[in-house]
Amino acid sequence: MKGRSLVPLARGADVPGADVVLTSLPLATPGVDRLAVVDDVYRDIEEWQPITVRTSEWTMLFAAW
């Protein structure tokens, strides 16, 4: 999925929303993978990270396998 800038919305522009919105960290396997997401410091992933999928009608929060 590709993202878009939030600047037009912050400036008050009438911008259509997406049909589906997906939020997550990069997919990683706990105990195996390391990620540098926020500050370029690699950290071990110890637990599954949540993924959120949202439409105009429902929201799914998936947090474990």
Foldseek 3Di string as FASTA:
>chain_A
DDDDDCVCVVVPHDDDDDQKDKDWDPFDDAPPDWDDDDHNDTDGHHAFTWMWMDGPVDIDIDGHD
